[in-house]
């Protein structure tokens, strides 16, 4: 390659000025500021003849599967301010559950204060001089009820790890109560006992199978107490209502004419327990202890479904503002 050819090729390969390409820069700048697009006739003709293309399926948002939505809903927490109705219903279930055990052996499967006191009296009687009664059958039943109640309440440790207001814990615990009550119904059925005591000196459920029925009922009530204690309701754990009666008649807004949430919820819960015990005792006369326990299981199934329809827990800011509004309403009602 000679020197002239090399120089000619190098001059052609060097970038040329814009004047060499005959480009109108002002026209290009004006076209950039204009937002309207006017395609060429050929382009408009070609696009008008082709139909509009649908978006790609990968860019269309699809709802998650049903099982995924179900699991996501289970992982949410419920709003503690919306638990008052279901807490009142739990008191109703307390009355339903406690009635069969008291009708059988005069032992409250959910109220362990009396059982603990009775156990202390029985222990003292064993070393009292001249007392030959010893550890009676009713004392044994009180001990069984107390121990199994504590076992059921200890299952609340699972709720401490999962979350006391997690929907998964509430639904699972309610299903656990139903399983325990199924065991109580089966044990009461195979025991062959009437399930109704003729007197305090002649209780029912004195056989091992009968005591097993009492044990299952007490464990179910202990688990219910563990669930209720984490709801944040004015009714507390919804099982022993002695403290609830004290809170009712010690409420500073007891005589307020305006509705007060804490006072009204406690009153409704106390009367719901009385109503539940009345209903259970009426059913007990007709279908016996196993059938009555089966009816209570059906009522607990309603509660199990109810957990799914409670609203989710709001953000902290929303919850704090709601509590401030409620506190101001209570103060105004107390002044009136």
Foldseek 3Di string as FASTA:
>chain_A
DDPVVVVVVVVVPDDDDPVVVVDDVVVVVVVVVDPDDDDDPVVVVVVVVDDDDDDDPVPDDDDDDPVVVVVVLLQFFFALVQCLVVLLLLLLLLLLLQQLQCQFANEGLQDLPVLVVLLVVLVVLQPDPPRPCHCDLSNVLSVLSVVLLVVLLVVLVVCVVSPLRRNNVQLVLLVVLLVLLLLLLVLVVVVPWQSGAPDNVGGHLSDPSSSSSSSSSSSSSSNQLSSQQRSNALCHSSGDCPVLVVCLVPPLLNPQPDDQRNNVSSVSSVVSSVVSNVVNVVVCVPPNDSVSSVVSSVSSVVSSVVSSPGHGHDDPVVVVVVVVVSVVVSVVSSVD
